[in-house]
Every structure is written in C-alpha cells, then in structure tokens.
C-alpha cells in the first residue's frame, strides 16, 4: 500500500482542485481491488489523460509514480495488472519493461494478435483448416484460392511461420 495523500501538503484545498485532481486523490486513497476507471478524457490508445498545471499528463503513469515512486532505470511502462487501460487503481499499476508489459497483454487477451489485428485476413478457424490441409499434403495453391488469400500467406500459415 502507498502512503495516504495529504491534500494540505499539496498546498490546495479540495475546492481549488479540478475534478480530475480530486478523482486522482480519491483513487490514491481508495482501498479496493476493483478497477478504478478514469471517467474523463482518454488518449487515442484508450489511456487516461488530463491537463494538470497546463500540461497534458498520462494519468496512469502519474498515479503509478505517486504510488510506487519514479520509474526505475531499465523499466519503461506503467503496466496494468488488470489489463484495463483506463484503470488508475494504484494496486493495479506497476513499473515494467516494455517486453514484460507486452507479455502481460498476451496473458490478458488484450494484445493485438490473431483476429484482433486489423490486418488479419483469416479467422482462427481458417488457420486451423489451412494447417490441417498443409499437414495432410494438400495443394496449398488450391487451399489459398478457396480461402481467398495469397498462396504465400497460406504457405506461411501452414508452415506455422505466422499465426
């Protein structure tokens, strides 16, 4: 747990704080294991943001820094253990390497892989069909035509280079 935030130490009374600042203080003082979703603006990637002291801040990083200290050398990301980008619960945030954070996204099922990738041309079911046909020695050109994809894509799927 992190130390409670004393609003007087910040030199402000609650009436002087923006709604965003008030929400951050409440999130830091909360004692819940549930996600605390940021109710204000999100950046294009879905992460919480706000303008504080005339600067736009990534709120999940700010909360992580307040709760857990500055980002240590070698670590880069304020990672969400819950997998919810808009969550600012300090109990769900920690500093991690970029690769550890990427592995977390795979574990959470939020990684942009497989059918979730906007460039995917086949479904998971089609991948299984292509691999079955490839393993059985079927003509990969014919399989590709049936699926409506390029022969090279079907061959890479069959050889398990992609997907």
Protein backbone atom coordinates (compact mmCIF):
# COMPACT_ATOMS: atom_id res chain seq x y z
CA UNK A 1 0.00 0.00 0.00
CA UNK A 2 1.12 3.54 -0.61
CA UNK A 3 1.05 6.32 1.99
CA UNK A 4 -2.17 8.33 2.03
CA UNK A 5 -2.05 11.68 0.22
CA UNK A 6 -2.49 14.74 2.43
CA UNK A 7 -4.24 17.43 0.40
CA UNK A 8 -2.82 20.14 2.68
CA UNK A 9 0.71 19.03 1.74
CA UNK A 10 -0.17 19.70 -1.87
CA UNK A 11 -0.98 23.29 -0.85
CA UNK A 12 -4.55 23.03 -2.04
CA UNK A 13 -7.99 22.80 -0.62
CA UNK A 14 -10.41 20.48 -2.39
CA UNK A 15 -12.37 23.49 -3.68
CA UNK A 16 -9.25 24.67 -5.54
CA UNK A 17 -8.63 21.32 -7.24
CA UNK A 18 -10.00 20.34 -10.62
CA UNK A 19 -12.39 17.40 -10.78
CA UNK A 20 -9.57 15.36 -12.33
CA UNK A 21 -7.23 16.14 -9.42
CA UNK A 22 -9.96 15.30 -6.92
CA UNK A 23 -10.56 11.98 -8.67
CA UNK A 24 -6.83 11.14 -8.59
CA UNK A 25 -6.69 11.85 -4.84
CA UNK A 26 -9.72 9.60 -4.25
CA UNK A 27 -8.19 6.84 -6.37
CA UNK A 28 -4.93 7.04 -4.44
CA UNK A 29 -6.79 6.89 -1.12
CA UNK A 30 -9.10 4.04 -2.20
CA UNK A 31 -8.69 0.63 -0.64
CA UNK A 32 -10.31 -1.51 -3.31
CA UNK A 33 -9.04 -4.29 -5.51
CA UNK A 34 -11.60 -3.40 -8.19
CA UNK A 35 -10.65 -1.32 -11.21
CA UNK A 36 -11.00 2.43 -10.82
CA UNK A 37 -11.92 3.65 -14.29
CA UNK A 38 -10.88 7.16 -15.34
CA UNK A 39 -14.16 8.99 -16.12
CA UNK A 40 -12.55 11.83 -18.09
CA UNK A 41 -10.64 12.08 -21.37
CA UNK A 42 -8.71 9.17 -22.85
CA UNK A 43 -5.91 9.41 -25.39
CA UNK A 44 -6.34 7.71 -28.80
CA UNK A 45 -4.89 4.50 -27.33
CA UNK A 46 -7.51 4.42 -24.57
CA UNK A 47 -5.21 5.55 -21.73
CA UNK A 48 -6.36 8.20 -19.23
CA UNK A 49 -5.13 11.73 -19.75
CA UNK A 50 -5.73 15.17 -18.26
CA UNK A 51 -4.27 18.64 -18.34
CA UNK A 52 -2.77 19.44 -14.95
CA UNK A 53 -0.75 22.61 -14.36
CA UNK A 54 -1.13 23.45 -18.07
CA UNK A 55 0.50 20.18 -19.17
CA UNK A 56 -1.21 17.09 -20.57
CA UNK A 57 -0.33 14.09 -18.42
CA UNK A 58 -0.75 10.34 -18.78
CA UNK A 59 -2.73 9.77 -15.59
CA UNK A 60 -1.93 6.06 -15.15
CA UNK A 61 1.79 6.98 -15.20
CA UNK A 62 1.22 9.84 -12.75
CA UNK A 63 -0.67 7.57 -10.33
CA UNK A 64 2.00 4.87 -10.67
CA UNK A 65 4.70 7.43 -9.89
CA UNK A 66 2.87 8.80 -6.84
CA UNK A 67 2.07 5.33 -5.52
CA UNK A 68 5.31 3.49 -6.37
CA UNK A 69 7.94 6.16 -6.91
CA UNK A 70 9.66 7.36 -10.06
CA UNK A 71 10.14 4.94 -12.93
CA UNK A 72 13.31 2.95 -12.12
CA UNK A 73 16.12 2.74 -14.69
CA UNK A 74 15.59 -0.10 -17.16
CA UNK A 75 11.82 -0.04 -16.76
CA UNK A 76 9.67 1.99 -19.09
CA UNK A 77 5.96 1.22 -18.87
CA UNK A 78 3.33 1.82 -16.22
CA UNK A 79 1.73 -1.60 -16.64
CA UNK A 80 -1.82 -2.61 -15.69
CA UNK A 81 -2.09 -5.97 -13.90
CA UNK A 82 -5.84 -5.87 -14.61
CA UNK A 83 -5.46 -5.39 -18.36
CA UNK A 84 -7.76 -2.32 -18.39
CA UNK A 85 -6.03 0.67 -19.97
CA UNK A 86 -8.38 3.21 -18.40
CA UNK A 87 -7.91 1.87 -14.84
CA UNK A 88 -5.96 4.05 -12.40
CA UNK A 89 -6.14 1.84 -9.29
CA UNK A 90 -2.61 2.12 -7.82
CA UNK A 91 -2.84 -1.54 -6.78
CA UNK A 92 -3.15 -2.49 -10.46
CA UNK A 93 -0.22 -0.36 -11.65
CA UNK A 94 3.50 -1.15 -11.56
CA UNK A 95 6.65 -0.28 -13.47
CA UNK A 96 7.68 -2.92 -16.02
CA UNK A 97 9.87 -3.37 -19.04
CA UNK A 98 8.27 -2.96 -22.45
CA UNK A 99 8.59 -6.72 -23.12
CA UNK A 100 7.10 -7.69 -19.73
CA UNK A 101 4.18 -5.36 -20.39
CA UNK A 102 3.71 -6.91 -23.85
CA UNK A 103 3.64 -10.39 -22.28
CA UNK A 104 1.01 -9.16 -19.81
CA UNK A 105 -1.15 -8.03 -22.75
CA UNK A 106 -0.92 -11.53 -24.22
CA UNK A 107 -1.90 -13.03 -20.84
CA UNK A 108 -4.85 -10.61 -20.51
CA UNK A 109 -6.01 -11.27 -24.05
CA UNK A 110 -5.69 -7.58 -24.93
CA UNK A 111 -2.77 -7.96 -27.36
CA UNK A 112 -3.37 -7.04 -30.97
CA UNK A 113 -2.79 -10.57 -32.23
CA UNK A 114 -4.63 -13.02 -34.45
CA UNK A 115 -8.16 -11.98 -35.36
CA UNK A 116 -7.83 -8.85 -33.21
CA UNK A 117 -5.20 -7.50 -35.59
CA UNK A 118 -6.84 -5.12 -38.04
CA UNK A 119 -4.75 -6.56 -40.89
CA UNK A 120 -5.82 -10.17 -40.29
CA UNK A 121 -7.20 -11.76 -43.45
CA UNK A 122 -8.24 -15.09 -41.97
CA UNK A 123 -10.02 -16.27 -38.86
CA UNK A 124 -8.64 -18.67 -36.27
CA UNK A 125 -10.91 -21.40 -37.69
CA UNK A 126 -9.47 -20.81 -41.16
CA UNK A 127 -5.94 -21.04 -39.76
CA UNK A 128 -6.76 -24.49 -38.37
CA UNK A 129 -8.20 -25.54 -41.75
CA UNK A 130 -5.10 -24.30 -43.61
CA UNK A 131 -2.77 -26.09 -41.21
CA UNK A 132 -4.76 -29.32 -41.43
CA UNK A 133 -4.66 -29.18 -45.23
CA UNK A 134 -0.95 -28.32 -45.24
CA UNK A 135 -0.12 -31.17 -42.84
CA UNK A 136 -2.16 -33.57 -44.99
CA UNK A 137 -0.13 -32.57 -48.05
CA UNK A 138 -2.95 -30.74 -49.85
CA UNK A 139 -2.20 -28.37 -52.73
CA UNK A 140 -1.58 -25.08 -50.88
CA UNK A 141 -2.43 -23.03 -54.00
CA UNK A 142 -5.89 -24.57 -54.12
CA UNK A 143 -6.38 -24.03 -50.36
CA UNK A 144 -5.34 -20.38 -50.73
CA UNK A 145 -7.78 -19.84 -53.60
CA UNK A 146 -10.62 -21.40 -51.57
CA UNK A 147 -9.81 -19.10 -48.63
CA UNK A 148 -9.43 -16.03 -50.84
CA UNK A 149 -5.88 -15.32 -49.69
CA UNK A 150 -2.45 -15.29 -51.30
CA UNK A 151 -0.57 -18.55 -51.72
CA UNK A 152 2.41 -17.13 -49.80
CA UNK A 153 0.15 -16.25 -46.83
CA UNK A 154 -1.39 -19.73 -46.79
CA UNK A 155 2.06 -21.32 -47.01
CA UNK A 156 3.36 -19.24 -44.08
CA UNK A 157 0.31 -20.20 -42.02
CA UNK A 158 0.71 -23.85 -42.98
CA UNK A 159 4.40 -23.83 -42.01
CA UNK A 160 3.49 -22.05 -38.75
CA UNK A 161 5.62 -19.02 -39.55
CA UNK A 162 2.67 -16.71 -38.96
CA UNK A 163 -0.29 -17.06 -36.67
